[in-house]
Each structure stands twice: as C-alpha cells, then as structure tokens.
C-alpha cells in the first residue's frame, strides 16, 4: 500500500508487527483447546494488516475498495464505509478437526466503542449454546473467547474501558474472560505517555478488577507468543479478563500522512534509526540457520508478486453480498412493497394492552402518588381516546 496507495491513511502496524504474532498464537491456542468462536474487537491501527494476513480478507477486495469502489455489490441498497472500518468473519484452522469461527466486529471511529459489543456478543452467543443444549458439558468460556485490541492512549483515556471492565466479573454479564492486547506504541496521536496519563503503566486501569498484566517487548516475537500463551492459560483456568501490554513503537505518524517529528523530534530520530521487527527476526533466523538469506528474499519476492497479481485482479473484482449467509440465509432484503402493507393493530387491542399495563391485583395497595400521577392519567387517556 505504501508503494501503490501512498496517499491513503492505512493506520498500519509498522513498529508493532508482533501484534500479528500475538493474534496468530492466540487463534492457534483457541483452536487446539476446543474453542469454536472468537469475537474480535479492535480499533483502526493494524486492522488492514490483520484482515489480510490472518483473517483471509482478499487483497483484491481491499484494493478494489481503495480505488473508490464499494465493498458491496452495486445492486445492494447500502452505503460503504472507510477502509479502517471494514471487517471479516472467516473460519480458521490450525490443524484441528473443528474450525475456529473468528468474527471481527465493525467498529466506528470512537476507538473503544466496540468493547462492550464484544462482551455482549460473546455473552449472547454462549447463552444461545446453553439454551439450545448443543453442548451440555460446556462451561462459560469453554467454547467462545472475547478478544479486544486497544491503543495505549485509548485504554487509559476512554471511559468505556472502565465501564466494560466493571461489568466483566458480574454473573449476568461475564463472558468467561476476555483477552486484552494493548498495542502500546507509547504515544497517543501526538501526546507522549508522560503527558497522557497519571499512572506508570497504561495497563494500570486493569487494577480496577485485579486483572493480571503480562508486559512484553514487541521486538521479540517469540517472547510475544510466550506471553500470549501465559495469558491464555490464565483465562482458561480462572475465566477472568487478562491483559497483554505489548510494548512497541509507531513507525509513522498517527496516520501515514502525518509528520511525527514536528511534535516528537527526539523520539522519531531514534525510531528512524531502527530496523523493522520483521527484518530483525529474519536476521535472527538466518544466524540460527533456520532460513537462508536466499529463502527469505525469495519469500518476500513471491509475496510481492502475489500482491501485484491481486492488484491487477482488483480491476475486475465483483464483491459479493455476505450479510445474509449462515444463520441469516433464510432472510431476504425488504422491498418497496413492504411500505404499502397494512402493519397497524386493531385499536381495541391497543386499548386492552394499555389497560393491562397498569392493572394491579386487588390485594396490592398502590402508593397514592403512583396511583395519581401514573395509573389514573393513563386510564383517563385510554378512556378519552
């Protein structure tokens, strides 16, 4: 995208590429432990990387969108959204008999607004499993996991974080524990951490519910995978939220069109002198004779050619409508005929509903103010028509 769509704000993961390692390891652990559904909520940063690299989103579909086209068929009565809001729901498999259904939820520009949706979606899905008795031995969290990805500044600064954490252990709200991954690039827009919060760590907010925190340096992908394994085992045993503080950096500005050195010149002098994390790990594997330099170059060249081919294919790409599949496959889009149908209810039925809504057993004594200001006015309105 940097080469072909240089003027597009992609909110890339450069500097925090090990977040892909974290999610890949987490999906693998889920698949091997019998979890069938993973509900993923995340902000803009890294969304396109994760969609294409992990969630099977076709690069040609992304390129089609980047060229000003909608992600829907032309005949679908829907409007598109910006690229940093798109989502995907693939089936992943890491060598197990059963697939892992990953649902990346759509997220608006208010970065953390999706968090309670992840929790509620997960709770509802697990209640559905219970109600349908599809797995009688299933405990809360056995078959479904919630995953939330956060930015460090947003995790500290947005109140919805505290609200969602505050509900996480309540009996009627818990979804069996959420794995939180903070992509901690130590800067929020143009504000350094020292000016953004009063706590030492961005993850200190999680002390609200005594959630354990695993701090890990994103420069070391293997350690990141190990940190994810520790967090997953904790969540599996205790069915409570756990935090991974993935300490990274942000290669570019808030988006790729910003110049970060205007506000953080010293920080970005250091960042621009650093090798990328993939390149550092590539050198490590070469030193350990895991791969040769030729193999690494060949892999990079092959993937580059694949993306070039996908860019060419995007010119003829025709998106498919995928909103009425799976459990929604029996539904159809509404037509103009719906607006002409008589959907009213008989007036006598409505009156009877209104009367029943304030009906009280004769043995119950109503508070005088409730009787005067609520029940009697409603009955009078019903009588007057």
Protein backbone atom coordinates (compact mmCIF):
# COMPACT_ATOMS: atom_id res chain seq x y z
CA UNK A 1 0.00 0.00 0.00
CA UNK A 2 2.90 2.36 0.68
CA UNK A 3 4.08 1.84 -2.92
CA UNK A 4 0.75 1.84 -4.74
CA UNK A 5 -1.53 3.91 -2.49
CA UNK A 6 0.91 6.27 -0.79
CA UNK A 7 -1.71 8.96 -0.11
CA UNK A 8 -4.09 6.65 1.76
CA UNK A 9 -4.35 6.62 5.56
CA UNK A 10 -3.98 2.93 6.33
CA UNK A 11 -3.08 3.10 10.06
CA UNK A 12 -0.52 0.35 9.60
CA UNK A 13 1.19 -1.86 12.16
CA UNK A 14 4.75 -0.84 11.29
CA UNK A 15 6.65 -0.92 14.56
CA UNK A 16 4.08 -3.22 16.14
CA UNK A 17 4.14 -6.11 13.67
CA UNK A 18 4.44 -8.59 16.55
CA UNK A 19 0.74 -7.95 17.23
CA UNK A 20 0.11 -10.30 14.29
CA UNK A 21 2.24 -12.93 16.05
CA UNK A 22 0.19 -12.39 19.21
CA UNK A 23 -3.14 -12.88 17.45
CA UNK A 24 -1.92 -15.83 15.39
CA UNK A 25 -0.71 -17.60 18.53
CA UNK A 26 -3.94 -16.81 20.33
CA UNK A 27 -6.08 -18.17 17.49
CA UNK A 28 -3.95 -21.32 17.42
CA UNK A 29 -4.33 -21.86 21.18
CA UNK A 30 -8.08 -21.34 20.88
CA UNK A 31 -8.41 -23.84 18.05
CA UNK A 32 -6.39 -26.51 19.88
CA UNK A 33 -8.28 -26.03 23.15
CA UNK A 34 -11.73 -26.66 21.66
CA UNK A 35 -12.91 -23.06 21.42
CA UNK A 36 -15.17 -22.71 18.38
CA UNK A 37 -15.80 -18.94 18.29
CA UNK A 38 -13.53 -15.92 18.78
CA UNK A 39 -15.11 -12.46 18.88
CA UNK A 40 -12.58 -9.78 17.95
CA UNK A 41 -12.94 -6.05 18.53
CA UNK A 42 -10.20 -3.64 17.55
CA UNK A 43 -9.55 -0.02 16.50
CA UNK A 44 -8.11 1.26 13.22
CA UNK A 45 -4.42 0.62 13.77
CA UNK A 46 -3.38 -2.69 12.28
CA UNK A 47 -6.87 -3.57 11.10
CA UNK A 48 -5.93 -3.94 7.44
CA UNK A 49 -2.79 -5.93 8.31
CA UNK A 50 -4.78 -8.38 10.41
CA UNK A 51 -7.61 -8.63 7.90
CA UNK A 52 -5.29 -9.63 5.04
CA UNK A 53 -2.56 -11.52 6.94
CA UNK A 54 -4.74 -13.52 9.35
CA UNK A 55 -8.43 -13.23 8.53
CA UNK A 56 -8.37 -14.24 4.86
CA UNK A 57 -9.61 -10.90 3.55
CA UNK A 58 -8.73 -10.95 -0.17
CA UNK A 59 -6.16 -8.29 -1.07
CA UNK A 60 -8.05 -7.73 -4.33
CA UNK A 61 -11.14 -6.79 -2.31
CA UNK A 62 -9.10 -4.28 -0.33
CA UNK A 63 -7.51 -2.82 -3.47
CA UNK A 64 -10.96 -2.62 -5.07
CA UNK A 65 -12.13 -0.58 -2.10
CA UNK A 66 -9.02 1.64 -2.18
CA UNK A 67 -9.79 2.56 -5.78
CA UNK A 68 -13.02 4.22 -4.70
CA UNK A 69 -15.41 1.31 -5.07
CA UNK A 70 -17.90 0.00 -2.54
CA UNK A 71 -17.41 -3.24 -0.63
CA UNK A 72 -20.96 -4.25 -1.63
CA UNK A 73 -22.49 -5.25 -4.98
CA UNK A 74 -23.85 -2.32 -6.98
CA UNK A 75 -27.44 -3.57 -6.69
CA UNK A 76 -27.36 -3.74 -2.89
CA UNK A 77 -29.15 -0.77 -1.23
CA UNK A 78 -26.29 0.04 1.14
CA UNK A 79 -23.61 2.66 1.55
CA UNK A 80 -19.94 1.84 2.08
CA UNK A 81 -17.61 2.88 4.87
CA UNK A 82 -13.98 3.92 5.18
CA UNK A 83 -11.37 1.18 4.86
CA UNK A 84 -10.45 1.29 8.55
CA UNK A 85 -13.99 0.19 9.50
CA UNK A 86 -14.36 -2.93 7.34
CA UNK A 87 -14.50 -6.39 8.91
CA UNK A 88 -14.39 -10.10 8.14
CA UNK A 89 -15.67 -13.35 9.65
CA UNK A 90 -13.55 -16.26 8.39
CA UNK A 91 -13.13 -19.84 9.53
CA UNK A 92 -9.55 -20.58 10.60
CA UNK A 93 -7.95 -23.94 11.22
CA UNK A 94 -4.63 -24.75 12.84
CA UNK A 95 -4.59 -28.49 12.16
CA UNK A 96 -7.65 -29.37 14.28
CA UNK A 97 -10.82 -31.27 13.44
CA UNK A 98 -13.04 -28.28 14.10
CA UNK A 99 -12.67 -24.79 12.66
CA UNK A 100 -12.35 -21.62 14.70
CA UNK A 101 -15.00 -19.10 13.67
CA UNK A 102 -13.49 -15.63 14.02
CA UNK A 103 -15.85 -12.67 13.98
CA UNK A 104 -14.18 -9.29 13.62
CA UNK A 105 -16.80 -6.75 14.59
CA UNK A 106 -17.30 -3.46 12.78
CA UNK A 107 -16.03 -0.52 14.81
CA UNK A 108 -16.77 3.19 14.42
CA UNK A 109 -14.21 5.95 14.78
CA UNK A 110 -14.76 6.14 18.56
CA UNK A 111 -11.97 3.63 19.03
CA UNK A 112 -13.09 1.67 22.08
CA UNK A 113 -16.85 1.75 21.44
CA UNK A 114 -16.73 -1.86 20.27
CA UNK A 115 -15.57 -3.25 23.64
CA UNK A 116 -18.98 -3.76 25.29
CA UNK A 117 -20.24 -5.12 21.97
CA UNK A 118 -17.55 -7.82 22.09
CA UNK A 119 -18.55 -8.68 25.65
CA UNK A 120 -22.29 -8.66 24.91
CA UNK A 121 -21.91 -10.59 21.67
CA UNK A 122 -19.89 -13.24 23.49
CA UNK A 123 -22.36 -13.48 26.35
CA UNK A 124 -25.32 -13.81 23.98
CA UNK A 125 -23.60 -16.43 21.86
CA UNK A 126 -22.79 -18.57 24.90
CA UNK A 127 -26.34 -18.23 26.23
CA UNK A 128 -27.52 -19.42 22.83
CA UNK A 129 -25.35 -22.54 23.20
CA UNK A 130 -26.81 -23.18 26.66
CA UNK A 131 -30.43 -22.61 25.59
CA UNK A 132 -30.11 -24.94 22.62
CA UNK A 133 -28.31 -27.55 24.72
CA UNK A 134 -25.76 -28.03 21.93
CA UNK A 135 -23.02 -28.83 24.42
CA UNK A 136 -24.36 -29.80 27.87
CA UNK A 137 -20.88 -30.03 29.43
CA UNK A 138 -19.84 -26.59 28.25
CA UNK A 139 -18.92 -24.04 30.93
CA UNK A 140 -18.85 -20.29 30.41
CA UNK A 141 -15.83 -19.52 28.25
CA UNK A 142 -15.19 -23.10 27.07
CA UNK A 143 -16.40 -22.61 23.51
CA UNK A 144 -16.09 -18.87 23.00
CA UNK A 145 -13.49 -16.20 23.71
CA UNK A 146 -13.61 -12.44 23.52
CA UNK A 147 -10.51 -10.64 22.24
CA UNK A 148 -10.10 -6.89 22.49
CA UNK A 149 -7.23 -4.93 20.97
CA UNK A 150 -6.55 -1.45 22.32
CA UNK A 151 -4.27 1.50 21.79
CA UNK A 152 -2.30 2.58 24.84
CA UNK A 153 -3.69 6.13 24.98
CA UNK A 154 -7.26 4.98 24.37
CA UNK A 155 -7.03 2.26 27.03
CA UNK A 156 -6.20 4.86 29.64
CA UNK A 157 -8.30 7.72 28.31
CA UNK A 158 -11.69 6.37 27.31
CA UNK A 159 -14.30 5.74 29.98
CA UNK A 160 -15.88 2.82 28.15
CA UNK A 161 -12.80 0.78 29.15
CA UNK A 162 -13.57 1.15 32.87
CA UNK A 163 -17.28 0.58 32.28
CA UNK A 164 -16.68 -2.68 30.39
CA UNK A 165 -14.11 -3.93 32.89
CA UNK A 166 -16.52 -3.10 35.71
CA UNK A 167 -19.11 -5.44 34.21
CA UNK A 168 -16.68 -8.21 33.31
CA UNK A 169 -16.99 -10.28 36.51
CA UNK A 170 -20.69 -9.79 37.21
CA UNK A 171 -22.71 -13.01 36.98
CA UNK A 172 -25.17 -11.74 34.36
CA UNK A 173 -22.53 -10.03 32.20
CA UNK A 174 -19.41 -12.21 32.29
CA UNK A 175 -18.46 -14.00 29.08
CA UNK A 176 -15.84 -16.22 30.69
CA UNK A 177 -12.91 -13.83 30.43
CA UNK A 178 -11.60 -11.53 27.70
CA UNK A 179 -8.03 -11.39 26.45
CA UNK A 180 -6.98 -7.75 26.06
CA UNK A 181 -3.98 -6.85 23.89
CA UNK A 182 -2.74 -3.28 24.28
CA UNK A 183 -0.66 -2.23 21.29
CA UNK A 184 1.45 0.13 23.34
CA UNK A 185 3.36 2.39 20.95
CA UNK A 186 3.97 4.88 23.78
CA UNK A 187 2.25 7.78 22.07
CA UNK A 188 -1.35 8.85 21.55
CA UNK A 189 -1.80 10.90 18.38
CA UNK A 190 0.88 13.50 19.24
CA UNK A 191 0.89 13.11 23.04
CA UNK A 192 3.68 11.13 24.75
CA UNK A 193 2.76 8.79 27.60
CA UNK A 194 4.21 11.14 30.22
CA UNK A 195 1.61 13.77 29.31
CA UNK A 196 -1.26 11.38 28.65
CA UNK A 197 -1.88 9.62 31.99
CA UNK A 198 -1.13 9.77 35.69
CA UNK A 199 -0.33 6.06 36.04
CA UNK A 200 3.02 4.42 35.44
CA UNK A 201 1.64 1.81 33.03
CA UNK A 202 -1.20 2.16 30.57
CA UNK A 203 -2.47 -1.20 31.84
CA UNK A 204 -2.88 0.09 35.42
CA UNK A 205 -6.56 0.71 34.63
CA UNK A 206 -7.00 -3.07 34.83
CA UNK A 207 -6.27 -2.92 38.57
CA UNK A 208 -9.94 -1.98 38.79
CA UNK A 209 -10.75 -5.71 38.54
CA UNK A 210 -7.37 -7.08 39.67
CA UNK A 211 -6.70 -8.39 36.17
CA UNK A 212 -3.15 -9.72 35.76
CA UNK A 213 -0.92 -7.96 33.24
CA UNK A 214 1.81 -9.53 31.11
CA UNK A 215 4.28 -6.91 29.85
CA UNK A 216 6.24 -7.98 26.78
CA UNK A 217 8.67 -6.30 24.39
CA UNK A 218 7.30 -6.40 20.86
CA UNK A 219 10.83 -6.54 19.42
CA UNK A 220 10.92 -10.25 20.29
CA UNK A 221 8.14 -12.18 18.51
CA UNK A 222 8.89 -15.48 20.26
CA UNK A 223 8.54 -13.83 23.66
CA UNK A 224 5.30 -12.27 22.48
CA UNK A 225 3.97 -15.74 21.63
CA UNK A 226 5.03 -16.95 25.07
CA UNK A 227 3.26 -14.02 26.76
CA UNK A 228 0.07 -14.86 24.86
CA UNK A 229 0.33 -18.49 26.00
CA UNK A 230 0.60 -17.38 29.65
CA UNK A 231 -2.39 -15.05 29.30
CA UNK A 232 -4.45 -17.73 27.58
CA UNK A 233 -3.75 -20.30 30.29
CA UNK A 234 -4.76 -17.81 33.00
CA UNK A 235 -8.03 -17.01 31.23
CA UNK A 236 -8.71 -20.71 30.66
CA UNK A 237 -8.27 -21.54 34.36
CA UNK A 238 -9.89 -18.55 36.07
CA UNK A 239 -12.40 -17.36 33.40
CA UNK A 240 -11.46 -13.73 34.00
CA UNK A 241 -10.00 -10.89 31.97
CA UNK A 242 -6.26 -10.77 31.38
CA UNK A 243 -4.11 -8.02 29.85
CA UNK A 244 -1.13 -8.24 27.49
CA UNK A 245 0.83 -4.98 27.40
CA UNK A 246 2.61 -5.27 24.05
CA UNK A 247 5.32 -2.59 24.16
CA UNK A 248 6.10 -1.40 20.65
CA UNK A 249 6.62 1.81 18.68
CA UNK A 250 4.85 3.63 15.86
CA UNK A 251 6.93 3.86 12.71
CA UNK A 252 4.93 6.68 11.12
CA UNK A 253 2.67 9.42 12.45
CA UNK A 254 -0.87 8.96 13.71
CA UNK A 255 -1.52 8.09 10.10
CA UNK A 256 0.94 7.74 7.24
CA UNK A 257 0.36 11.30 6.02
CA UNK A 258 1.34 12.95 9.32
CA UNK A 259 4.88 14.09 10.11
CA UNK A 260 5.53 12.93 13.71
CA UNK A 261 8.90 14.63 14.08
CA UNK A 262 7.16 18.01 14.25
CA UNK A 263 5.96 17.16 17.76
CA UNK A 264 8.33 14.31 18.82
CA UNK A 265 11.68 15.01 17.10
CA UNK A 266 13.84 13.10 19.60
CA UNK A 267 11.59 10.03 19.67
CA UNK A 268 11.48 9.83 15.88
CA UNK A 269 15.23 10.27 15.49
CA UNK A 270 15.51 7.03 17.45
CA UNK A 271 12.67 5.27 15.62
CA UNK A 272 14.02 6.11 12.16
CA UNK A 273 17.39 4.60 13.04
CA UNK A 274 15.79 1.25 13.97
CA UNK A 275 15.41 -1.80 11.76
CA UNK A 276 11.91 -3.16 11.35
CA UNK A 277 10.83 -6.03 13.60
CA UNK A 278 10.34 -8.47 10.68
CA UNK A 279 13.87 -7.67 9.44
CA UNK A 280 15.35 -8.17 12.92
CA UNK A 281 13.64 -11.55 13.24
CA UNK A 282 14.71 -12.51 9.74
CA UNK A 283 18.35 -11.83 10.68
CA UNK A 284 17.92 -13.87 13.86
CA UNK A 285 16.60 -16.87 11.91
CA UNK A 286 19.46 -16.57 9.43
CA UNK A 287 22.01 -16.55 12.27
CA UNK A 288 20.38 -19.67 13.74
CA UNK A 289 20.32 -21.35 10.30
CA UNK A 290 16.55 -21.66 10.34
CA UNK A 291 16.31 -20.00 6.92
CA UNK A 292 18.88 -18.86 4.41
CA UNK A 293 19.15 -15.33 3.07
CA UNK A 294 18.08 -16.57 -0.36
CA UNK A 295 14.97 -18.24 1.09
CA UNK A 296 13.99 -15.04 2.89
CA UNK A 297 14.43 -12.96 -0.25
CA UNK A 298 12.52 -15.50 -2.31
CA UNK A 299 9.62 -15.49 0.18
CA UNK A 300 9.50 -11.70 0.12
CA UNK A 301 9.60 -11.63 -3.69
CA UNK A 302 6.86 -14.24 -4.00
CA UNK A 303 4.57 -12.36 -1.66
CA UNK A 304 5.26 -9.13 -3.52
CA UNK A 305 4.29 -10.80 -6.79
CA UNK A 306 1.15 -12.18 -5.18
CA UNK A 307 0.11 -8.67 -4.15
CA UNK A 308 0.88 -7.33 -7.63
CA UNK A 309 -1.35 -10.04 -9.13
CA UNK A 310 -4.10 -9.20 -6.64
CA UNK A 311 -3.85 -5.52 -7.60
CA UNK A 312 -4.37 -6.43 -11.26
CA UNK A 313 -7.27 -8.73 -10.34
CA UNK A 314 -8.92 -5.95 -8.32
CA UNK A 315 -9.87 -4.13 -11.53
CA UNK A 316 -12.35 -6.89 -12.39
CA UNK A 317 -13.29 -7.76 -8.83
CA UNK A 318 -17.02 -8.00 -8.12
CA UNK A 319 -17.86 -8.02 -4.39
CA UNK A 320 -20.46 -10.45 -3.12
CA UNK A 321 -23.21 -9.75 -0.62
CA UNK A 322 -22.32 -11.74 2.50
CA UNK A 323 -24.76 -10.30 5.03
CA UNK A 324 -27.48 -12.92 4.54
CA UNK A 325 -25.48 -16.10 4.97
CA UNK A 326 -25.19 -18.70 7.71
CA UNK A 327 -27.97 -18.28 10.27
CA UNK A 328 -29.35 -15.36 8.20
CA UNK A 329 -29.62 -17.37 4.98
CA UNK A 330 -33.43 -17.62 5.13
CA UNK A 331 -33.91 -13.84 5.16
CA UNK A 332 -34.33 -11.50 2.20
CA UNK A 333 -33.85 -7.78 1.75
CA UNK A 334 -37.04 -5.71 2.17
CA UNK A 335 -38.71 -4.45 -0.99
CA UNK A 336 -40.79 -1.37 -1.76
CA UNK A 337 -43.93 -3.47 -1.24
CA UNK A 338 -43.23 -3.53 2.48
CA UNK A 339 -44.01 0.19 2.79
CA UNK A 340 -47.50 -0.29 1.34
CA UNK A 341 -48.54 -3.12 3.65
CA UNK A 342 -51.01 -2.51 6.47
CA UNK A 343 -48.98 -3.08 9.61
CA UNK A 344 -51.41 -1.46 12.05
CA UNK A 345 -53.03 -3.07 15.09
CA UNK A 346 -56.72 -3.01 15.99
CA UNK A 347 -57.49 -0.06 18.28
CA UNK A 348 -59.37 -2.18 20.84
CA UNK A 349 -56.33 -4.45 21.20
CA UNK A 350 -54.11 -1.43 21.86
CA UNK A 351 -56.57 -0.13 24.49
CA UNK A 352 -56.60 -3.50 26.19
CA UNK A 353 -52.76 -3.58 26.25
CA UNK A 354 -52.74 -0.09 27.75
CA UNK A 355 -55.19 -1.10 30.48
CA UNK A 356 -53.29 -4.28 31.31
CA UNK A 357 -50.02 -2.33 31.55
CA UNK A 358 -51.31 -0.59 34.69
CA UNK A 359 -53.57 -3.34 36.03
CA UNK A 360 -52.81 -4.35 39.62
CA UNK A 361 -54.10 -7.19 41.75
CA UNK A 362 -56.85 -6.01 44.13
CA UNK A 363 -54.87 -7.29 47.12
CA UNK A 364 -51.99 -4.94 46.38
CA UNK A 365 -52.15 -1.43 47.82
CA UNK A 366 -50.79 1.14 45.37
CA UNK A 367 -48.75 4.10 46.55
CA UNK A 368 -51.04 7.19 46.31
CA UNK A 369 -48.57 9.19 44.22
CA UNK A 370 -48.12 6.33 41.75
CA UNK A 371 -51.89 6.00 41.51
CA UNK A 372 -52.41 9.74 40.99
CA UNK A 373 -49.55 10.53 38.62
CA UNK A 374 -49.24 7.35 36.57
CA UNK A 375 -52.14 4.89 36.68
CA UNK A 376 -55.15 7.23 36.72
CA UNK A 377 -53.78 9.56 33.95
CA UNK A 378 -53.12 6.59 31.69
CA UNK A 379 -56.58 5.13 32.21
CA UNK A 380 -58.11 8.57 31.56
CA UNK A 381 -56.18 8.93 28.30
CA UNK A 382 -57.35 5.50 27.20
CA UNK A 383 -60.97 6.38 28.02
CA UNK A 384 -60.75 9.72 26.19
CA UNK A 385 -59.32 8.05 23.12
